[in-house]
Amino acid sequence: MEHVNDVPQTYSLLRKWLRPGGLMSHSIDYSSHSYTRDWNGHWTIPAPLWRVVAGNRKFCINRMPHSEHLRSMKSAGFQVTKESINAAAALARDALALEFRQLTEADLGARCAFVQALAG
């Protein structure tokens, strides 16, 4: 899910494809995928520069934090039943690009997560 361009729409489509009670399962990597030296350095790059870094790649990372994935799942009609987060050292808030300074401490430290959710 870290390579999906429109995450909310994708969760909505997954909800349409699953019957009520159907289970979806995702392992989501929130790291920079080696775009930066630090695992979470992708959140230090402002949007205009990120467009240059991403270039014309079809499957670049979307930089969406964990809480946004959960919010998108719930908005699409899923109920999260299992959530396991692997945490790592977070960056200092002042090192973040302005658009990422509102991230929670939990988001800043979430390197990857395993999530299961039931279709409502």
PDB file of N, CA and C in Angstrom:
ATOM      1  N   MET A   1       0.812  -1.211   0.000  1.00  0.00           N
ATOM      2  CA  MET A   1       0.000   0.000   0.000  1.00  0.00           C
ATOM      3  C   MET A   1       0.849   1.267   0.000  1.00  0.00           C
ATOM      4  N   GLU A   2       2.143   1.151   0.287  1.00  0.00           N
ATOM      5  CA  GLU A   2       2.995   2.339   0.272  1.00  0.00           C
ATOM      6  C   GLU A   2       3.316   2.813  -1.143  1.00  0.00           C
ATOM      7  N   HIS A   3       3.006   2.001  -2.136  1.00  0.00           N
ATOM      8  CA  HIS A   3       3.266   2.378  -3.529  1.00  0.00           C
ATOM      9  C   HIS A   3       2.008   2.810  -4.275  1.00  0.00           C
ATOM     10  N   VAL A   4       0.879   2.796  -3.611  1.00  0.00           N
ATOM     11  CA  VAL A   4      -0.401   3.148  -4.228  1.00  0.00           C
ATOM     12  C   VAL A   4      -0.552   4.667  -4.262  1.00  0.00           C
ATOM     13  N   ASN A   5      -0.924   5.223  -5.402  1.00  0.00           N
ATOM     14  CA  ASN A   5      -1.066   6.674  -5.520  1.00  0.00           C
ATOM     15  C   ASN A   5      -2.305   7.210  -4.818  1.00  0.00           C
ATOM     16  N   ASP A   6      -3.422   6.547  -4.957  1.00  0.00           N
ATOM     17  CA  ASP A   6      -4.661   7.017  -4.338  1.00  0.00           C
ATOM     18  C   ASP A   6      -5.120   5.976  -3.313  1.00  0.00           C
ATOM     19  N   VAL A   7      -4.588   6.091  -2.111  1.00  0.00           N
ATOM     20  CA  VAL A   7      -4.856   5.113  -1.061  1.00  0.00           C
ATOM     21  C   VAL A   7      -6.333   5.077  -0.667  1.00  0.00           C
ATOM     22  N   PRO A   8      -6.994   6.221  -0.399  1.00  0.00           N
ATOM     23  CA  PRO A   8      -8.417   6.156  -0.039  1.00  0.00           C
ATOM     24  C   PRO A   8      -9.271   5.452  -1.100  1.00  0.00           C
ATOM     25  N   GLN A   9      -9.025   5.751  -2.360  1.00  0.00           N
ATOM     26  CA  GLN A   9      -9.788   5.100  -3.430  1.00  0.00           C
ATOM     27  C   GLN A   9      -9.509   3.598  -3.471  1.00  0.00           C
ATOM     28  N   THR A  10      -8.281   3.214  -3.236  1.00  0.00           N
ATOM     29  CA  THR A  10      -7.930   1.798  -3.259  1.00  0.00           C
ATOM     30  C   THR A  10      -8.638   1.045  -2.142  1.00  0.00           C
ATOM     31  N   TYR A  11      -8.667   1.629  -0.931  1.00  0.00           N
ATOM     32  CA  TYR A  11      -9.401   0.982   0.159  1.00  0.00           C
ATOM     33  C   TYR A  11     -10.894   0.910  -0.159  1.00  0.00           C
ATOM     34  N   SER A  12     -11.426   1.925  -0.784  1.00  0.00           N
ATOM     35  CA  SER A  12     -12.846   1.890  -1.185  1.00  0.00           C
ATOM     36  C   SER A  12     -13.106   0.771  -2.183  1.00  0.00           C
ATOM     37  N   LEU A  13     -12.211   0.596  -3.138  1.00  0.00           N
ATOM     38  CA  LEU A  13     -12.359  -0.493  -4.109  1.00  0.00           C
ATOM     39  C   LEU A  13     -12.237  -1.854  -3.433  1.00  0.00           C
ATOM     40  N   LEU A  14     -11.294  -1.978  -2.512  1.00  0.00           N
ATOM     41  CA  LEU A  14     -11.150  -3.235  -1.786  1.00  0.00           C
ATOM     42  C   LEU A  14     -12.425  -3.560  -1.018  1.00  0.00           C
ATOM     43  N   ARG A  15     -13.035  -2.534  -0.448  1.00  0.00           N
ATOM     44  CA  ARG A  15     -14.294  -2.730   0.289  1.00  0.00           C
ATOM     45  C   ARG A  15     -15.401  -3.224  -0.646  1.00  0.00           C
ATOM     46  N   LYS A  16     -15.454  -2.674  -1.868  1.00  0.00           N
ATOM     47  CA  LYS A  16     -16.472  -3.103  -2.840  1.00  0.00           C
ATOM     48  C   LYS A  16     -16.262  -4.554  -3.266  1.00  0.00           C
ATOM     49  N   TRP A  17     -15.014  -4.982  -3.323  1.00  0.00           N
ATOM     50  CA  TRP A  17     -14.697  -6.327  -3.795  1.00  0.00           C
ATOM     51  C   TRP A  17     -14.902  -7.388  -2.724  1.00  0.00           C
ATOM     52  N   LEU A  18     -14.883  -6.996  -1.461  1.00  0.00           N
ATOM     53  CA  LEU A  18     -15.049  -7.967  -0.381  1.00  0.00           C
ATOM     54  C   LEU A  18     -16.501  -8.027   0.096  1.00  0.00           C
ATOM     55  N   ARG A  19     -16.941  -9.208   0.440  1.00  0.00           N
ATOM     56  CA  ARG A  19     -18.262  -9.366   1.046  1.00  0.00           C
ATOM     57  C   ARG A  19     -18.210  -8.822   2.470  1.00  0.00           C
ATOM     58  N   PRO A  20     -19.350  -8.459   3.026  1.00  0.00           N
ATOM     59  CA  PRO A  20     -19.364  -8.085   4.449  1.00  0.00           C
ATOM     60  C   PRO A  20     -18.766  -9.223   5.280  1.00  0.00           C
ATOM     61  N   GLY A  21     -17.860  -8.881   6.163  1.00  0.00           N
ATOM     62  CA  GLY A  21     -17.160  -9.875   6.967  1.00  0.00           C
ATOM     63  C   GLY A  21     -15.884 -10.380   6.325  1.00  0.00           C
ATOM     64  N   GLY A  22     -15.658  -9.982   5.061  1.00  0.00           N
ATOM     65  CA  GLY A  22     -14.424 -10.368   4.379  1.00  0.00           C
ATOM     66  C   GLY A  22     -13.224  -9.699   5.033  1.00  0.00           C
ATOM     67  N   LEU A  23     -12.090 -10.350   4.997  1.00  0.00           N
ATOM     68  CA  LEU A  23     -10.883  -9.867   5.670  1.00  0.00           C
ATOM     69  C   LEU A  23      -9.840  -9.411   4.666  1.00  0.00           C
ATOM     70  N   MET A  24      -9.289  -8.245   4.918  1.00  0.00           N
ATOM     71  CA  MET A  24      -8.123  -7.821   4.135  1.00  0.00           C
ATOM     72  C   MET A  24      -6.939  -7.753   5.092  1.00  0.00           C
ATOM     73  N   SER A  25      -5.763  -7.969   4.545  1.00  0.00           N
ATOM     74  CA  SER A  25      -4.543  -8.024   5.334  1.00  0.00           C
ATOM     75  C   SER A  25      -3.443  -7.301   4.574  1.00  0.00           C
ATOM     76  N   HIS A  26      -2.749  -6.394   5.270  1.00  0.00           N
ATOM     77  CA  HIS A  26      -1.688  -5.620   4.618  1.00  0.00           C
ATOM     78  C   HIS A  26      -0.466  -5.528   5.512  1.00  0.00           C
ATOM     79  N   SER A  27       0.682  -5.621   4.888  1.00  0.00           N
ATOM     80  CA  SER A  27       1.946  -5.295   5.526  1.00  0.00           C
ATOM     81  C   SER A  27       2.424  -4.034   4.824  1.00  0.00           C
ATOM     82  N   ILE A  28       2.509  -2.926   5.562  1.00  0.00           N
ATOM     83  CA  ILE A  28       2.800  -1.628   4.959  1.00  0.00           C
ATOM     84  C   ILE A  28       4.142  -1.122   5.465  1.00  0.00           C
ATOM     85  N   ASP A  29       5.034  -0.806   4.552  1.00  0.00           N
ATOM     86  CA  ASP A  29       6.371  -0.310   4.881  1.00  0.00           C
ATOM     87  C   ASP A  29       6.365   1.211   4.767  1.00  0.00           C
ATOM     88  N   TYR A  30       6.619   1.897   5.874  1.00  0.00           N
ATOM     89  CA  TYR A  30       6.609   3.361   5.882  1.00  0.00           C
ATOM     90  C   TYR A  30       8.001   3.956   5.715  1.00  0.00           C
ATOM     91  N   SER A  31       8.970   3.127   5.407  1.00  0.00           N
ATOM     92  CA  SER A  31      10.344   3.631   5.279  1.00  0.00           C
ATOM     93  C   SER A  31      10.554   4.337   3.934  1.00  0.00           C
ATOM     94  N   SER A  32      11.711   4.944   3.808  1.00  0.00           N
ATOM     95  CA  SER A  32      12.024   5.724   2.610  1.00  0.00           C
ATOM     96  C   SER A  32      12.384   4.852   1.410  1.00  0.00           C
ATOM     97  N   HIS A  33      12.481   3.547   1.596  1.00  0.00           N
ATOM     98  CA  HIS A  33      12.867   2.629   0.510  1.00  0.00           C
ATOM     99  C   HIS A  33      14.194   3.056  -0.120  1.00  0.00           C
ATOM    100  N   SER A  34      15.081   3.540   0.707  1.00  0.00           N
ATOM    101  CA  SER A  34      16.438   3.962   0.306  1.00  0.00           C
ATOM    102  C   SER A  34      16.464   5.212  -0.575  1.00  0.00           C
ATOM    103  N   TYR A  35      15.386   5.971  -0.596  1.00  0.00           N
ATOM    104  CA  TYR A  35      15.425   7.262  -1.281  1.00  0.00           C
ATOM    105  C   TYR A  35      16.280   8.240  -0.486  1.00  0.00           C
ATOM    106  N   THR A  36      16.390   8.011   0.816  1.00  0.00           N
ATOM    107  CA  THR A  36      17.204   8.855   1.694  1.00  0.00           C
ATOM    108  C   THR A  36      18.074   7.963   2.574  1.00  0.00           C
ATOM    109  N   ARG A  37      19.063   8.557   3.200  1.00  0.00           N
ATOM    110  CA  ARG A  37      19.960   7.814   4.085  1.00  0.00           C
ATOM    111  C   ARG A  37      19.205   7.268   5.306  1.00  0.00           C
ATOM    112  N   ASP A  38      18.378   8.107   5.920  1.00  0.00           N
ATOM    113  CA  ASP A  38      17.608   7.689   7.087  1.00  0.00           C
ATOM    114  C   ASP A  38      16.352   6.950   6.649  1.00  0.00           C
ATOM    115  N   TRP A  39      15.912   5.993   7.455  1.00  0.00           N
ATOM    116  CA  TRP A  39      14.723   5.217   7.102  1.00  0.00           C
ATOM    117  C   TRP A  39      13.511   6.107   6.904  1.00  0.00           C
ATOM    118  N   ASN A  40      13.453   7.246   7.623  1.00  0.00           N
ATOM    119  CA  ASN A  40      12.304   8.151   7.566  1.00  0.00           C
ATOM    120  C   ASN A  40      12.642   9.513   6.959  1.00  0.00           C
ATOM    121  N   GLY A  41      13.742   9.592   6.253  1.00  0.00           N
ATOM    122  CA  GLY A  41      14.181  10.851   5.659  1.00  0.00           C
ATOM    123  C   GLY A  41      13.280  11.381   4.558  1.00  0.00           C
ATOM    124  N   HIS A  42      12.436  10.531   4.003  1.00  0.00           N
ATOM    125  CA  HIS A  42      11.504  10.979   2.955  1.00  0.00           C
ATOM    126  C   HIS A  42      10.531  12.027   3.483  1.00  0.00           C
ATOM    127  N   TRP A  43      10.335  12.069   4.815  1.00  0.00           N
ATOM    128  CA  TRP A  43       9.449  13.076   5.402  1.00  0.00           C
ATOM    129  C   TRP A  43      10.158  14.410   5.625  1.00  0.00           C
ATOM    130  N   THR A  44      11.437  14.495   5.288  1.00  0.00           N
ATOM    131  CA  THR A  44      12.172  15.766   5.413  1.00  0.00           C
ATOM    132  C   THR A  44      12.193  16.535   4.094  1.00  0.00           C
ATOM    133  N   ILE A  45      11.729  15.916   3.038  1.00  0.00           N
ATOM    134  CA  ILE A  45      11.800  16.503   1.699  1.00  0.00           C
ATOM    135  C   ILE A  45      10.479  17.204   1.368  1.00  0.00           C
ATOM    136  N   PRO A  46      10.531  18.515   1.092  1.00  0.00           N
ATOM    137  CA  PRO A  46       9.304  19.251   0.743  1.00  0.00           C
ATOM    138  C   PRO A  46       8.683  18.715  -0.553  1.00  0.00           C
ATOM    139  N   ALA A  47       7.380  18.893  -0.692  1.00  0.00           N
ATOM    140  CA  ALA A  47       6.626  18.363  -1.837  1.00  0.00           C
ATOM    141  C   ALA A  47       7.222  18.723  -3.200  1.00  0.00           C
ATOM    142  N   PRO A  48       7.608  20.000  -3.454  1.00  0.00           N
ATOM    143  CA  PRO A  48       8.156  20.306  -4.786  1.00  0.00           C
ATOM    144  C   PRO A  48       9.423  19.507  -5.104  1.00  0.00           C
ATOM    145  N   LEU A  49      10.284  19.338  -4.114  1.00  0.00           N
ATOM    146  CA  LEU A  49      11.507  18.559  -4.328  1.00  0.00           C
ATOM    147  C   LEU A  49      11.190  17.071  -4.427  1.00  0.00           C
ATOM    148  N   TRP A  50      10.184  16.601  -3.681  1.00  0.00           N
ATOM    149  CA  TRP A  50       9.796  15.198  -3.749  1.00  0.00           C
ATOM    150  C   TRP A  50       9.317  14.836  -5.154  1.00  0.00           C
ATOM    151  N   ARG A  51       8.636  15.749  -5.828  1.00  0.00           N
ATOM    152  CA  ARG A  51       8.195  15.481  -7.204  1.00  0.00           C
ATOM    153  C   ARG A  51       9.393  15.232  -8.106  1.00  0.00           C
ATOM    154  N   VAL A  52      10.501  15.933  -7.858  1.00  0.00           N
ATOM    155  CA  VAL A  52      11.724  15.719  -8.631  1.00  0.00           C
ATOM    156  C   VAL A  52      12.334  14.362  -8.270  1.00  0.00           C
ATOM    157  N   VAL A  53      12.387  14.054  -6.985  1.00  0.00           N
ATOM    158  CA  VAL A  53      12.939  12.777  -6.528  1.00  0.00           C
ATOM    159  C   VAL A  53      12.133  11.611  -7.103  1.00  0.00           C
ATOM    160  N   ALA A  54      10.818  11.719  -7.040  1.00  0.00           N
ATOM    161  CA  ALA A  54       9.945  10.648  -7.527  1.00  0.00           C
ATOM    162  C   ALA A  54      10.009  10.515  -9.042  1.00  0.00           C
ATOM    163  N   GLY A  55      10.222  11.635  -9.723  1.00  0.00           N
ATOM    164  CA  GLY A  55      10.304  11.594 -11.177  1.00  0.00           C
ATOM    165  C   GLY A  55       9.071  10.997 -11.805  1.00  0.00           C
ATOM    166  N   ASN A  56       9.284  10.224 -12.849  1.00  0.00           N
ATOM    167  CA  ASN A  56       8.168   9.595 -13.565  1.00  0.00           C
ATOM    168  C   ASN A  56       7.965   8.137 -13.168  1.00  0.00           C
ATOM    169  N   ARG A  57       8.462   7.767 -11.998  1.00  0.00           N
ATOM    170  CA  ARG A  57       8.290   6.387 -11.551  1.00  0.00           C
ATOM    171  C   ARG A  57       6.800   6.073 -11.384  1.00  0.00           C
ATOM    172  N   LYS A  58       6.397   4.927 -11.873  1.00  0.00           N
ATOM    173  CA  LYS A  58       4.996   4.520 -11.734  1.00  0.00           C
ATOM    174  C   LYS A  58       4.667   4.146 -10.297  1.00  0.00           C
ATOM    175  N   PHE A  59       5.635   3.607  -9.582  1.00  0.00           N
ATOM    176  CA  PHE A  59       5.353   3.080  -8.251  1.00  0.00           C
ATOM    177  C   PHE A  59       6.303   3.645  -7.207  1.00  0.00           C
ATOM    178  N   CYS A  60       6.338   4.937  -7.083  1.00  0.00           N
ATOM    179  CA  CYS A  60       7.114   5.584  -6.038  1.00  0.00           C
ATOM    180  C   CYS A  60       6.328   5.486  -4.726  1.00  0.00           C
ATOM    181  N   ILE A  61       6.990   5.668  -3.613  1.00  0.00           N
ATOM    182  CA  ILE A  61       6.267   5.615  -2.335  1.00  0.00           C
ATOM    183  C   ILE A  61       5.395   6.861  -2.178  1.00  0.00           C
ATOM    184  N   ASN A  62       4.277   6.690  -1.476  1.00  0.00           N
ATOM    185  CA  ASN A  62       3.317   7.791  -1.354  1.00  0.00           C
ATOM    186  C   ASN A  62       3.533   8.651  -0.104  1.00  0.00           C
ATOM    187  N   ARG A  63       4.392   8.236   0.818  1.00  0.00           N
ATOM    188  CA  ARG A  63       4.739   8.971   2.048  1.00  0.00           C
ATOM    189  C   ARG A  63       3.574   9.131   3.023  1.00  0.00           C
ATOM    190  N   MET A  64       2.518   8.359   2.857  1.00  0.00           N
ATOM    191  CA  MET A  64       1.362   8.431   3.753  1.00  0.00           C
ATOM    192  C   MET A  64       1.704   7.744   5.070  1.00  0.00           C
ATOM    193  N   PRO A  65       1.440   8.395   6.195  1.00  0.00           N
ATOM    194  CA  PRO A  65       1.726   7.782   7.493  1.00  0.00           C
ATOM    195  C   PRO A  65       0.657   6.764   7.906  1.00  0.00           C
ATOM    196  N   HIS A  66       0.975   6.027   8.934  1.00  0.00           N
ATOM    197  CA  HIS A  66       0.103   4.950   9.417  1.00  0.00           C
ATOM    198  C   HIS A  66      -1.304   5.438   9.771  1.00  0.00           C
ATOM    199  N   SER A  67      -1.398   6.534  10.494  1.00  0.00           N
ATOM    200  CA  SER A  67      -2.721   7.023  10.917  1.00  0.00           C
ATOM    201  C   SER A  67      -3.615   7.343   9.723  1.00  0.00           C
ATOM    202  N   GLU A  68      -3.046   7.797   8.627  1.00  0.00           N
ATOM    203  CA  GLU A  68      -3.838   8.086   7.428  1.00  0.00           C
ATOM    204  C   GLU A  68      -4.340   6.802   6.775  1.00  0.00           C
ATOM    205  N   HIS A  69      -3.520   5.757   6.811  1.00  0.00           N
ATOM    206  CA  HIS A  69      -3.984   4.468   6.291  1.00  0.00           C
ATOM    207  C   HIS A  69      -5.175   3.981   7.109  1.00  0.00           C
ATOM    208  N   LEU A  70      -5.054   4.054   8.433  1.00  0.00           N
ATOM    209  CA  LEU A  70      -6.156   3.614   9.290  1.00  0.00           C
ATOM    210  C   LEU A  70      -7.413   4.436   9.042  1.00  0.00           C
ATOM    211  N   ARG A  71      -7.256   5.739   8.915  1.00  0.00           N
ATOM    212  CA  ARG A  71      -8.396   6.624   8.659  1.00  0.00           C
ATOM    213  C   ARG A  71      -9.058   6.264   7.325  1.00  0.00           C
ATOM    214  N   SER A  72      -8.248   5.995   6.312  1.00  0.00           N
ATOM    215  CA  SER A  72      -8.786   5.634   4.997  1.00  0.00           C
ATOM    216  C   SER A  72      -9.513   4.295   5.031  1.00  0.00           C
ATOM    217  N   MET A  73      -8.972   3.340   5.784  1.00  0.00           N
ATOM    218  CA  MET A  73      -9.636   2.042   5.924  1.00  0.00           C
ATOM    219  C   MET A  73     -11.014   2.218   6.562  1.00  0.00           C
ATOM    220  N   LYS A  74     -11.055   2.955   7.660  1.00  0.00           N
ATOM    221  CA  LYS A  74     -12.314   3.158   8.377  1.00  0.00           C
ATOM    222  C   LYS A  74     -13.326   3.919   7.526  1.00  0.00           C
ATOM    223  N   SER A  75     -12.860   4.925   6.787  1.00  0.00           N
ATOM    224  CA  SER A  75     -13.753   5.689   5.905  1.00  0.00           C
ATOM    225  C   SER A  75     -14.335   4.820   4.804  1.00  0.00           C
ATOM    226  N   ALA A  76     -13.569   3.818   4.386  1.00  0.00           N
ATOM    227  CA  ALA A  76     -14.029   2.923   3.319  1.00  0.00           C
ATOM    228  C   ALA A  76     -14.982   1.850   3.838  1.00  0.00           C
ATOM    229  N   GLY A  77     -15.128   1.747   5.161  1.00  0.00           N
ATOM    230  CA  GLY A  77     -16.058   0.768   5.714  1.00  0.00           C
ATOM    231  C   GLY A  77     -15.404  -0.464   6.303  1.00  0.00           C
ATOM    232  N   PHE A  78     -14.127  -0.364   6.660  1.00  0.00           N
ATOM    233  CA  PHE A  78     -13.429  -1.477   7.300  1.00  0.00           C
ATOM    234  C   PHE A  78     -13.325  -1.252   8.803  1.00  0.00           C
ATOM    235  N   GLN A  79     -13.284  -2.350   9.533  1.00  0.00           N
ATOM    236  CA  GLN A  79     -13.048  -2.318  10.967  1.00  0.00           C
ATOM    237  C   GLN A  79     -11.711  -3.013  11.212  1.00  0.00           C
ATOM    238  N   VAL A  80     -10.742  -2.274  11.739  1.00  0.00           N
ATOM    239  CA  VAL A  80      -9.425  -2.835  12.011  1.00  0.00           C
ATOM    240  C   VAL A  80      -9.545  -3.833  13.161  1.00  0.00           C
ATOM    241  N   THR A  81      -9.095  -5.070  12.923  1.00  0.00           N
ATOM    242  CA  THR A  81      -9.177  -6.109  13.947  1.00  0.00           C
ATOM    243  C   THR A  81      -7.815  -6.492  14.497  1.00  0.00           C
ATOM    244  N   LYS A  82      -6.763  -6.213  13.764  1.00  0.00           N
ATOM    245  CA  LYS A  82      -5.407  -6.502  14.225  1.00  0.00           C
ATOM    246  C   LYS A  82      -4.478  -5.435  13.685  1.00  0.00           C
ATOM    247  N   GLU A  83      -3.601  -4.966  14.555  1.00  0.00           N
ATOM    248  CA  GLU A  83      -2.651  -3.923  14.165  1.00  0.00           C
ATOM    249  C   GLU A  83      -1.368  -4.157  14.953  1.00  0.00           C
ATOM    250  N   SER A  84      -0.279  -4.312  14.225  1.00  0.00           N
ATOM    251  CA  SER A  84       1.030  -4.513  14.840  1.00  0.00           C
ATOM    252  C   SER A  84       2.009  -3.556  14.174  1.00  0.00           C
ATOM    253  N   ILE A  85       2.630  -2.711  14.966  1.00  0.00           N
ATOM    254  CA  ILE A  85       3.547  -1.700  14.429  1.00  0.00           C
ATOM    255  C   ILE A  85       4.969  -2.003  14.869  1.00  0.00           C
ATOM    256  N   ASN A  86       5.895  -1.965  13.924  1.00  0.00           N
ATOM    257  CA  ASN A  86       7.315  -2.045  14.241  1.00  0.00           C
ATOM    258  C   ASN A  86       7.846  -0.623  14.260  1.00  0.00           C
ATOM    259  N   ALA A  87       8.300  -0.202  15.424  1.00  0.00           N
ATOM    260  CA  ALA A  87       8.746   1.180  15.599  1.00  0.00           C
ATOM    261  C   ALA A  87      10.266   1.290  15.459  1.00  0.00           C
ATOM    262  N   ALA A  88      10.700   2.478  15.110  1.00  0.00           N
ATOM    263  CA  ALA A  88      12.118   2.798  15.003  1.00  0.00           C
ATOM    264  C   ALA A  88      12.303   4.241  15.463  1.00  0.00           C
ATOM    265  N   ALA A  89      13.530   4.682  15.517  1.00  0.00           N
ATOM    266  CA  ALA A  89      13.820   6.044  15.978  1.00  0.00           C
ATOM    267  C   ALA A  89      13.163   7.078  15.071  1.00  0.00           C
ATOM    268  N   ALA A  90      12.527   8.054  15.693  1.00  0.00           N
ATOM    269  CA  ALA A  90      11.859   9.128  14.956  1.00  0.00           C
ATOM    270  C   ALA A  90      12.817  10.293  14.741  1.00  0.00           C
ATOM    271  N   LEU A  91      12.560  11.056  13.709  1.00  0.00           N
ATOM    272  CA  LEU A  91      13.325  12.281  13.452  1.00  0.00           C
ATOM    273  C   LEU A  91      12.829  13.400  14.367  1.00  0.00           C
ATOM    274  N   ALA A  92      13.679  14.373  14.582  1.00  0.00           N
ATOM    275  CA  ALA A  92      13.256  15.573  15.306  1.00  0.00           C
ATOM    276  C   ALA A  92      12.220  16.294  14.451  1.00  0.00           C
ATOM    277  N   ARG A  93      11.195  16.807  15.095  1.00  0.00           N
ATOM    278  CA  ARG A  93      10.100  17.469  14.375  1.00  0.00           C
ATOM    279  C   ARG A  93      10.595  18.629  13.506  1.00  0.00           C
ATOM    280  N   ASP A  94      11.589  19.365  13.956  1.00  0.00           N
ATOM    281  CA  ASP A  94      12.072  20.513  13.174  1.00  0.00           C
ATOM    282  C   ASP A  94      12.860  20.082  11.933  1.00  0.00           C
ATOM    283  N   ALA A  95      13.194  18.789  11.821  1.00  0.00           N
ATOM    284  CA  ALA A  95      13.866  18.288  10.618  1.00  0.00           C
ATOM    285  C   ALA A  95      12.870  17.935   9.518  1.00  0.00           C
ATOM    286  N   LEU A  96      11.594  17.848   9.872  1.00  0.00           N
ATOM    287  CA  LEU A  96      10.571  17.449   8.918  1.00  0.00           C
ATOM    288  C   LEU A  96      10.209  18.580   7.970  1.00  0.00           C
ATOM    289  N   ALA A  97       9.798  18.222   6.758  1.00  0.00           N
ATOM    290  CA  ALA A  97       9.227  19.202   5.838  1.00  0.00           C
ATOM    291  C   ALA A  97       7.931  19.718   6.458  1.00  0.00           C
ATOM    292  N   LEU A  98       7.565  20.934   6.158  1.00  0.00           N
ATOM    293  CA  LEU A  98       6.395  21.554   6.782  1.00  0.00           C
ATOM    294  C   LEU A  98       5.141  20.693   6.686  1.00  0.00           C
ATOM    295  N   GLU A  99       4.932  20.038   5.560  1.00  0.00           N
ATOM    296  CA  GLU A  99       3.704  19.253   5.387  1.00  0.00           C
ATOM    297  C   GLU A  99       3.664  18.003   6.269  1.00  0.00           C
ATOM    298  N   PHE A 100       4.779  17.658   6.922  1.00  0.00           N
ATOM    299  CA  PHE A 100       4.806  16.480   7.790  1.00  0.00           C
ATOM    300  C   PHE A 100       5.009  16.828   9.262  1.00  0.00           C
ATOM    301  N   ARG A 101       5.076  18.064   9.603  1.00  0.00           N
ATOM    302  CA  ARG A 101       5.302  18.442  11.000  1.00  0.00           C
ATOM    303  C   ARG A 101       4.116  18.150  11.914  1.00  0.00           C
ATOM    304  N   GLN A 102       2.948  17.924  11.366  1.00  0.00           N
ATOM    305  CA  GLN A 102       1.765  17.615  12.180  1.00  0.00           C
ATOM    306  C   GLN A 102       1.676  16.128  12.506  1.00  0.00           C
ATOM    307  N   LEU A 103       2.567  15.315  11.978  1.00  0.00           N
ATOM    308  CA  LEU A 103       2.509  13.880  12.243  1.00  0.00           C
ATOM    309  C   LEU A 103       2.616  13.605  13.740  1.00  0.00           C
ATOM    310  N   THR A 104       1.882  12.602  14.180  1.00  0.00           N
ATOM    311  CA  THR A 104       1.936  12.218  15.588  1.00  0.00           C
ATOM    312  C   THR A 104       3.278  11.538  15.879  1.00  0.00           C
ATOM    313  N   GLU A 105       3.603  11.451  17.142  1.00  0.00           N
ATOM    314  CA  GLU A 105       4.820  10.731  17.530  1.00  0.00           C
ATOM    315  C   GLU A 105       4.735   9.272  17.089  1.00  0.00           C
ATOM    316  N   ALA A 106       3.546   8.694  17.184  1.00  0.00           N
ATOM    317  CA  ALA A 106       3.360   7.306  16.749  1.00  0.00           C
ATOM    318  C   ALA A 106       3.637   7.152  15.254  1.00  0.00           C
ATOM    319  N   ASP A 107       3.153   8.090  14.439  1.00  0.00           N
ATOM    320  CA  ASP A 107       3.415   8.047  12.997  1.00  0.00           C
ATOM    321  C   ASP A 107       4.905   8.205  12.710  1.00  0.00           C
ATOM    322  N   LEU A 108       5.539   9.125  13.403  1.00  0.00           N
ATOM    323  CA  LEU A 108       6.957   9.386  13.164  1.00  0.00           C
ATOM    324  C   LEU A 108       7.833   8.177  13.466  1.00  0.00           C
ATOM    325  N   GLY A 109       7.387   7.333  14.381  1.00  0.00           N
ATOM    326  CA  GLY A 109       8.174   6.165  14.743  1.00  0.00           C
ATOM    327  C   GLY A 109       7.741   4.874  14.076  1.00  0.00           C
ATOM    328  N   ALA A 110       6.644   4.906  13.319  1.00  0.00           N
ATOM    329  CA  ALA A 110       6.124   3.688  12.682  1.00  0.00           C
ATOM    330  C   ALA A 110       6.910   3.380  11.414  1.00  0.00           C
ATOM    331  N   ARG A 111       7.789   2.392  11.489  1.00  0.00           N
ATOM    332  CA  ARG A 111       8.598   2.018  10.326  1.00  0.00           C
ATOM    333  C   ARG A 111       7.834   1.079   9.399  1.00  0.00           C
ATOM    334  N   CYS A 112       7.037   0.205   9.971  1.00  0.00           N
ATOM    335  CA  CYS A 112       6.182  -0.672   9.181  1.00  0.00           C
ATOM    336  C   CYS A 112       5.056  -1.173  10.075  1.00  0.00           C
ATOM    337  N   ALA A 113       4.017  -1.692   9.436  1.00  0.00           N
ATOM    338  CA  ALA A 113       2.868  -2.175  10.202  1.00  0.00           C
ATOM    339  C   ALA A 113       2.218  -3.338   9.480  1.00  0.00           C
ATOM    340  N   PHE A 114       1.598  -4.185  10.285  1.00  0.00           N
ATOM    341  CA  PHE A 114       0.763  -5.262   9.781  1.00  0.00           C
ATOM    342  C   PHE A 114      -0.648  -4.950  10.249  1.00  0.00           C
ATOM    343  N   VAL A 115      -1.593  -4.908   9.324  1.00  0.00           N
ATOM    344  CA  VAL A 115      -2.966  -4.558   9.648  1.00  0.00           C
ATOM    345  C   VAL A 115      -3.920  -5.544   8.994  1.00  0.00           C
ATOM    346  N   GLN A 116      -4.901  -5.994   9.787  1.00  0.00           N
ATOM    347  CA  GLN A 116      -5.996  -6.792   9.259  1.00  0.00           C
ATOM    348  C   GLN A 116      -7.286  -6.038   9.565  1.00  0.00           C
ATOM    349  N   ALA A 117      -8.220  -6.079   8.620  1.00  0.00           N
ATOM    350  CA  ALA A 117      -9.484  -5.364   8.815  1.00  0.00           C
ATOM    351  C   ALA A 117     -10.623  -6.132   8.140  1.00  0.00           C
ATOM    352  N   LEU A 118     -11.773  -6.066   8.773  1.00  0.00           N
ATOM    353  CA  LEU A 118     -12.978  -6.699   8.268  1.00  0.00           C
ATOM    354  C   LEU A 118     -13.826  -5.703   7.493  1.00  0.00           C
ATOM    355  N   ALA A 119     -14.391  -6.169   6.387  1.00  0.00           N
ATOM    356  CA  ALA A 119     -15.308  -5.346   5.615  1.00  0.00           C
ATOM    357  C   ALA A 119     -16.634  -5.280   6.372  1.00  0.00           C
ATOM    358  N   GLY A 120     -17.165  -4.057   6.502  1.00  0.00           N
ATOM    359  CA  GLY A 120     -18.423  -3.872   7.212  1.00  0.00           C
ATOM    360  C   GLY A 120     -19.625  -4.109   6.356  1.00  0.00           C
TER     361      GLY A 120
END
